[in-house]
Structures are given as C-alpha cells and as structure tokens.
Protein backbone atom coordinates (compact mmCIF):
# COMPACT_ATOMS: atom_id res chain seq x y z
CA UNK A 1 -8.52 -19.19 -13.37
CA UNK A 2 -8.06 -20.01 -17.02
CA UNK A 3 -6.37 -23.51 -17.08
CA UNK A 4 -5.12 -24.64 -13.67
CA UNK A 5 -6.90 -25.26 -10.92
CA UNK A 6 -5.76 -22.73 -7.80
CA UNK A 7 -7.94 -21.50 -4.93
CA UNK A 8 -9.74 -18.57 -5.05
CA UNK A 9 -9.32 -15.32 -3.83
CA UNK A 10 -12.02 -15.05 -2.03
CA UNK A 11 -11.09 -17.44 0.49
CA UNK A 12 -8.10 -15.55 1.59
CA UNK A 13 -9.13 -14.93 4.20
CA UNK A 14 -10.10 -18.32 5.82
CA UNK A 15 -7.16 -19.03 4.98
CA UNK A 16 -5.48 -16.28 7.44
CA UNK A 17 -6.53 -17.70 10.56
CA UNK A 18 -5.14 -21.50 9.09
CA UNK A 19 -2.15 -22.94 10.36
CA UNK A 20 0.79 -21.05 10.54
CA UNK A 21 4.23 -23.00 12.04
CA UNK A 22 3.09 -26.92 14.06
CA UNK A 23 4.03 -29.41 16.66
CA UNK A 24 1.18 -32.24 17.22
CA UNK A 25 -2.26 -30.84 17.31
CA UNK A 26 -0.66 -26.85 17.96
CA UNK A 27 -0.28 -24.57 15.44
CA UNK A 28 0.25 -21.34 15.50
CA UNK A 29 -1.79 -18.64 14.17
CA UNK A 30 -2.61 -14.73 14.25
CA UNK A 31 -4.50 -12.03 13.77
CA UNK A 32 -3.80 -8.47 13.62
CA UNK A 33 -5.19 -5.32 15.43
CA UNK A 34 -6.46 -1.77 15.90
CA UNK A 35 -6.77 -0.52 19.42
CA UNK A 36 -8.83 2.45 20.28
CA UNK A 37 -10.21 4.38 24.26
CA UNK A 38 -13.20 5.36 25.05
CA UNK A 39 -12.09 8.96 23.64
CA UNK A 40 -10.61 7.38 19.82
CA UNK A 41 -7.30 7.59 20.35
CA UNK A 42 -4.94 5.43 19.59
CA UNK A 43 -3.65 2.89 22.01
CA UNK A 44 -0.05 1.40 22.21
CA UNK A 45 1.06 0.39 25.72
CA UNK A 46 -1.15 -3.14 25.34
CA UNK A 47 0.01 -6.40 26.77
CA UNK A 48 -0.36 -9.86 25.72
CA UNK A 49 -1.86 -10.22 29.38
CA UNK A 50 -4.51 -7.69 28.16
CA UNK A 51 -6.13 -9.57 25.27
CA UNK A 52 -8.23 -12.80 25.28
CA UNK A 53 -8.14 -14.55 22.82
CA UNK A 54 -10.62 -17.92 21.80
CA UNK A 55 -10.93 -20.21 19.18
CA UNK A 56 -14.18 -21.98 18.27
CA UNK A 57 -14.87 -20.09 21.83
CA UNK A 58 -11.78 -22.00 23.55
CA UNK A 59 -9.23 -19.44 25.30
CA UNK A 60 -6.12 -19.51 23.53
CA UNK A 61 -2.91 -17.97 25.48
CA UNK A 62 -0.77 -14.70 23.22
CA UNK A 63 2.67 -15.71 22.88
CA UNK A 64 3.51 -13.21 21.00
CA UNK A 65 2.59 -9.86 20.83
CA UNK A 66 4.23 -6.31 18.52
CA UNK A 67 3.83 -3.51 17.15
CA UNK A 68 3.75 -3.88 13.28
CA UNK A 69 6.96 -1.33 13.41
CA UNK A 70 9.75 -3.71 12.42
CA UNK A 71 11.45 -3.44 9.15
CA UNK A 72 10.62 -5.32 6.76
CA UNK A 73 11.83 -7.99 5.10
CA UNK A 74 11.62 -7.75 0.66
CA UNK A 75 12.53 -10.56 -1.23
CA UNK A 76 12.50 -8.62 -4.50
CA UNK A 77 12.36 -11.44 -6.90
CA UNK A 78 13.36 -10.83 -11.01
CA UNK A 79 12.96 -12.59 -14.17
CA UNK A 80 16.47 -13.12 -16.05
CA UNK A 81 15.59 -15.29 -18.17
CA UNK A 82 16.07 -15.30 -22.09
CA UNK A 83 13.06 -13.39 -23.30
CA UNK A 84 14.01 -10.01 -21.08
CA UNK A 85 17.24 -9.92 -23.24
CA UNK A 86 15.97 -6.98 -24.56
CA UNK A 87 14.98 -5.19 -21.93
CA UNK A 88 17.10 -5.40 -19.50
CA UNK A 89 18.27 -1.38 -18.96
CA UNK A 90 14.28 -1.27 -18.37
CA UNK A 91 14.77 -3.80 -15.79
CA UNK A 92 17.66 -2.10 -14.32
CA UNK A 93 15.68 0.57 -13.72
CA UNK A 94 13.07 -0.15 -12.18
CA UNK A 95 15.29 -2.34 -9.74
CA UNK A 96 16.94 0.83 -8.51
CA UNK A 97 13.93 2.94 -8.41
CA UNK A 98 12.56 -0.01 -5.59
CA UNK A 99 15.94 0.58 -4.39
CA UNK A 100 15.57 4.27 -4.15
CA UNK A 101 12.65 4.52 -3.31
CA UNK A 102 12.16 2.08 0.06
CA UNK A 103 13.68 3.55 3.27
CA UNK A 104 16.98 1.94 4.06
CA UNK A 105 15.76 0.15 7.40
CA UNK A 106 14.21 -2.43 5.40
CA UNK A 107 15.72 -5.43 4.15
CA UNK A 108 15.85 -6.14 0.95
CA UNK A 109 16.70 -9.58 -0.77
CA UNK A 110 17.53 -9.56 -4.95
CA UNK A 111 16.57 -12.95 -6.17
CA UNK A 112 16.86 -14.01 -9.65
CA UNK A 113 14.28 -16.81 -11.83
CA UNK A 114 16.49 -17.23 -14.66
CA UNK A 115 16.72 -21.29 -14.98
CA UNK A 116 17.68 -21.56 -11.74
CA UNK A 117 17.18 -19.80 -8.70
CA UNK A 118 20.17 -16.91 -7.74
CA UNK A 119 20.36 -14.95 -5.19
CA UNK A 120 22.56 -11.51 -5.88
CA UNK A 121 21.99 -10.45 -3.07
CA UNK A 122 21.43 -11.73 0.21
CA UNK A 123 18.96 -9.65 2.64
CA UNK A 124 20.81 -6.44 3.14
CA UNK A 125 20.24 -2.70 4.32
CA UNK A 126 23.39 -1.26 2.48
CA UNK A 127 21.95 0.13 -0.54
CA UNK A 128 24.93 0.46 -2.54
CA UNK A 129 25.80 -3.15 -2.47
CA UNK A 130 22.03 -3.26 -4.25
CA UNK A 131 22.59 -0.74 -6.73
CA UNK A 132 26.27 -2.24 -8.00
CA UNK A 133 24.37 -6.10 -8.05
CA UNK A 134 22.22 -4.05 -9.93
CA UNK A 135 24.48 -2.35 -12.55
CA UNK A 136 25.69 -6.11 -13.54
CA UNK A 137 22.01 -6.74 -13.62
CA UNK A 138 21.76 -8.98 -16.79
CA UNK A 139 19.58 -12.53 -18.73
CA UNK A 140 21.04 -15.85 -17.01
CA UNK A 141 19.36 -17.45 -20.37
CA UNK A 142 16.85 -20.08 -19.69
CA UNK A 143 13.54 -21.06 -18.96
CA UNK A 144 11.52 -18.30 -16.15
CA UNK A 145 12.10 -20.51 -12.99
CA UNK A 146 9.73 -18.37 -11.62
CA UNK A 147 7.85 -21.01 -8.96
CA UNK A 148 10.38 -22.68 -8.01
CA UNK A 149 12.23 -19.61 -7.24
CA UNK A 150 9.34 -18.40 -4.74
CA UNK A 151 9.35 -21.11 -3.07
CA UNK A 152 12.55 -21.15 -2.18
CA UNK A 153 13.37 -17.41 -1.25
CA UNK A 154 10.53 -17.62 0.96
CA UNK A 155 11.79 -20.90 2.57
CA UNK A 156 15.02 -19.31 2.61
CA UNK A 157 14.78 -15.95 3.36
CA UNK A 158 11.57 -14.14 4.68
CA UNK A 159 10.33 -17.61 7.15
CA UNK A 160 14.03 -17.15 9.02
CA UNK A 161 12.60 -13.72 9.56
CA UNK A 162 9.07 -14.54 11.49
CA UNK A 163 9.27 -11.26 13.23
CA UNK A 164 9.15 -8.94 10.19
CA UNK A 165 6.91 -8.34 8.19
CA UNK A 166 7.27 -10.83 4.53
CA UNK A 167 6.59 -9.08 1.29
CA UNK A 168 7.61 -10.49 -2.06
CA UNK A 169 7.62 -8.19 -4.93
CA UNK A 170 7.23 -9.81 -8.13
CA UNK A 171 9.62 -7.87 -11.77
CA UNK A 172 9.43 -10.97 -13.99
CA UNK A 173 7.77 -11.50 -17.74
CA UNK A 174 5.11 -14.26 -19.26
CA UNK A 175 5.12 -14.68 -23.53
CA UNK A 176 3.00 -18.18 -22.46
CA UNK A 177 6.38 -20.37 -22.96
CA UNK A 178 6.19 -22.80 -19.88
CA UNK A 179 3.84 -25.93 -21.38
CA UNK A 180 4.95 -28.00 -18.85
CA UNK A 181 2.06 -28.12 -16.20
CA UNK A 182 2.92 -26.77 -13.15
CA UNK A 183 2.13 -28.22 -9.50
CA UNK A 184 -0.71 -26.94 -8.40
CA UNK A 185 -1.11 -28.46 -5.25
CA UNK A 186 2.57 -27.57 -4.42
CA UNK A 187 1.58 -24.04 -5.44
CA UNK A 188 -1.71 -23.76 -3.14
CA UNK A 189 -0.22 -25.08 0.05
CA UNK A 190 2.80 -22.58 -0.28
CA UNK A 191 0.07 -20.01 -0.66
CA UNK A 192 -1.77 -20.85 2.53
CA UNK A 193 1.18 -20.60 4.62
CA UNK A 194 2.17 -17.17 2.86
CA UNK A 195 -1.47 -15.73 3.58
CA UNK A 196 -1.83 -17.07 6.69
CA UNK A 197 2.04 -15.66 8.41
CA UNK A 198 -0.20 -12.18 6.60
CA UNK A 199 3.04 -11.76 3.96
CA UNK A 200 2.13 -9.14 1.21
CA UNK A 201 2.50 -9.79 -2.25
CA UNK A 202 3.18 -7.30 -5.74
CA UNK A 203 4.15 -7.82 -9.11
CA UNK A 204 4.63 -6.05 -12.74
CA UNK A 205 4.36 -8.44 -15.66
CA UNK A 206 5.58 -7.48 -18.76
CA UNK A 207 3.00 -9.66 -20.99
CA UNK A 208 3.26 -10.97 -24.43
CA UNK A 209 0.86 -12.09 -27.18
CA UNK A 210 -0.33 -14.66 -25.30
CA UNK A 211 0.57 -15.54 -21.13
CA UNK A 212 0.86 -19.05 -18.90
CA UNK A 213 1.19 -20.44 -15.68
CA UNK A 214 3.37 -17.46 -14.33
CA UNK A 215 0.11 -14.43 -15.12
CA UNK A 216 -2.02 -17.30 -13.42
CA UNK A 217 0.19 -18.03 -9.59
CA UNK A 218 1.07 -14.54 -9.88
CA UNK A 219 -1.96 -13.14 -9.92
CA UNK A 220 -3.73 -15.64 -8.25
CA UNK A 221 -1.46 -14.72 -4.64
CA UNK A 222 -1.53 -10.95 -4.95
CA UNK A 223 -5.13 -11.13 -5.04
CA UNK A 224 -5.11 -13.46 -2.14
CA UNK A 225 -3.80 -10.33 -0.24
CA UNK A 226 -4.44 -7.93 -1.02
CA UNK A 227 -1.79 -6.99 -3.15
CA UNK A 228 -1.33 -4.23 -6.30
CA UNK A 229 -0.84 -6.25 -9.77
CA UNK A 230 -0.18 -4.80 -12.16
CA UNK A 231 0.32 -6.60 -16.25
CA UNK A 232 1.66 -4.48 -18.84
CA UNK A 233 2.91 -4.95 -22.68
CA UNK A 234 5.91 -2.64 -23.36
CA UNK A 235 8.49 -2.34 -20.52
CA UNK A 236 8.67 1.74 -21.22
CA UNK A 237 6.64 1.97 -18.19
CA UNK A 238 8.54 -1.08 -16.29
CA UNK A 239 10.43 1.48 -13.90
CA UNK A 240 7.65 4.33 -13.42
CA UNK A 241 5.08 0.87 -12.18
CA UNK A 242 7.58 -1.07 -9.66
CA UNK A 243 8.46 2.74 -8.04
CA UNK A 244 4.62 2.71 -7.41
CA UNK A 245 4.81 -0.70 -6.28
CA UNK A 246 7.65 0.44 -3.43
CA UNK A 247 5.47 3.13 -2.38
CA UNK A 248 2.49 1.47 -1.77
CA UNK A 249 5.32 -1.41 0.53
CA UNK A 250 6.37 2.14 2.04
CA UNK A 251 2.98 2.79 2.71
CA UNK A 252 1.38 -0.30 4.58
CA UNK A 253 4.06 0.00 7.01
CA UNK A 254 3.56 2.72 7.63
CA UNK A 255 -0.23 1.97 8.11
CA UNK A 256 0.28 -1.26 10.39
CA UNK A 257 2.98 1.05 12.67
CA UNK A 258 0.26 1.52 14.91
CA UNK A 259 -1.43 -1.74 14.68
CA UNK A 260 -0.76 -5.30 16.97
CA UNK A 261 0.29 -8.22 15.08
CA UNK A 262 -1.32 -11.03 17.45
CA UNK A 263 0.09 -14.57 18.05
CA UNK A 264 -1.59 -17.51 19.33
CA UNK A 265 -1.25 -21.44 19.96
CA UNK A 266 -5.16 -23.01 18.65
CA UNK A 267 -5.70 -26.71 17.33
CA UNK A 268 -4.05 -27.25 14.16
CA UNK A 269 -7.89 -29.23 13.53
CA UNK A 270 -10.07 -26.46 13.25
CA UNK A 271 -8.93 -25.63 9.78
CA UNK A 272 -11.51 -22.47 9.46
CA UNK A 273 -11.32 -21.39 13.58
CA UNK A 274 -13.46 -17.89 14.35
CA UNK A 275 -11.05 -15.80 16.02
CA UNK A 276 -12.17 -13.55 18.80
CA UNK A 277 -9.91 -11.30 20.80
CA UNK A 278 -10.91 -8.09 23.21
CA UNK A 279 -9.25 -6.11 25.84
CA UNK A 280 -9.76 -6.53 29.31
CA UNK A 281 -8.18 -2.41 29.87
CA UNK A 282 -11.29 -0.74 30.54
CA UNK A 283 -12.43 1.55 27.60
CA UNK A 284 -9.89 -0.03 25.34
CA UNK A 285 -12.32 -1.36 21.50
CA UNK A 286 -10.74 -3.37 18.34
CA UNK A 287 -10.40 -4.12 15.22
CA UNK A 288 -9.51 -7.45 14.01
CA UNK A 289 -8.37 -8.58 10.40
CA UNK A 290 -6.60 -11.54 9.19
CA UNK A 291 -4.70 -9.44 6.99
CA UNK A 292 -2.30 -6.26 7.27
CA UNK A 293 -2.62 -3.49 6.39
CA UNK A 294 -5.76 -3.00 7.43
C-alpha cells in the first residue's frame, strides 16, 4: 500500500489456512469444498466420516461439516464522524437500500464509528427496528474511529457466531484527516484471523481530495477476501452503490448453499500447511478452496 506495511492480497490464500482458535499446540482450521458425483450432480449429504483430511500429509479429524445454508451474520459498519454531516440523507438512503435488499433471515448489526464504537442495533432480523434506527442516524461528531471499531465489532458480534458466515459491510468516508501512526501490527493480526475464518468484506468509501489510512486498510482487507471495493467522490450515488453490495452479499450466500464448510483440528506449528481433502464415497469428486464463495 502507499504508506503502511500491510500484508499483501497475494498472501490471502495462505492466510486462509492459518490459525483460527488456539489451544496448546492445536489450531482450528477450515476449508470449503464442493462435492459432485460421477454424473456431475451436486452431493449434499456427505458426512464427516466420509472425508479424509490431511495437513502436510498427517491425517486430521473433521470436527464440523456443514452446508453453507446458515443465515449470514452481517456487521454494517458506518461512518458517523463529523465529515458525514452534509451527507446524512444519502447515508440514510443507502442504509435503507441495504436492509431492504438483504432477506430477513440474515442478521444485521448496525454499528457506527464516529468518535468511538456505537452499537445502534445488536444482531437482529427485525427490519422495522433497523429502519427506525436508520431514521435516527446522524453524525456523532469527532474523528472516524474506523480500525478500533472494526476490530471490536468483529470480536463482539462475528467471532461469537462461528456457525454463521461473518460479513463486514463498510460505508465510510476518507478525507485523509487521520495523520496518527496506525497500529498496523494489530490490523494485520485481525486481518489474518478474519481471512482464516472465511470472512467476507465489502466497502463503499466516499473520498475527498486526499486519502489516508481508512482507504489503505479497507482496500487491503477487501482485496484479501475478494470482496467489492467501491470508491466514489460524491455521495449522490451512495444508495445505489450500497444496494449493489447488498445484492452481491445475497448472491454469494446463494453460491455457498450447496457447498460445505469443513473444520478440523491441526497443528499450530504448521504456519502454511498443505491441506488435502478427499471423499471415501465411491465416485465423489471434491473441489476445495480457502475462501468463500468459490
């Protein structure tokens, strides 16, 4: 990136296979697979006993196998700093476009970043509650506490729902006003862990004449998970841009509905292990990825 030492997007696939949760010398890892039979039809009834997983050639036990049909857990991370004051109407329209587009089955957490983290709605499927809070949305003033809020939101609302696909949707501004040195090591640690959990991230940034770390960090995260990154210079198109991200989130979930998440316990000392997954059921072929969707 321009000013900071961030882990590059090219490392993402390796990061996907790194540590999830740690215990002694053991680590929870996950990969994603699609299964087809000899005729090319999708196989939707595999069991853990029918999978063989190896990590650098060492057999590993499958601890969880599930299809990607679980509802999403979405954190809608929205800038409420001083800079959004003149754009509040566009922000409200954009947020309403998002919640109107995402089906009610998916949980959404509405969090703003002005000054400090503010949880406007905890995880909910109640769209009326969301719309009421959006109607009250306004600038909280202060600076954009983007990184601290994102890390805290992940810790409180995404990591606590391991059975659901974590999704970050970022709607923010960047006028380059943040000049302090950013805690890049802290960001990189968060990013590696988030990517290893198969998290998704998408962003729309309304940028000013100059840009700063908010753009750097957001673009790096989105690139590492192959999400949608949209930079605009005016807020007039913000609602349609955010709606497009909502449509992408829904489409991605549909793509994973016939694919599996495979969790197993590996060795923490293997930083970039080679993972192989095969099926013992006759005629079943697997396609594997370190990220979702694929």
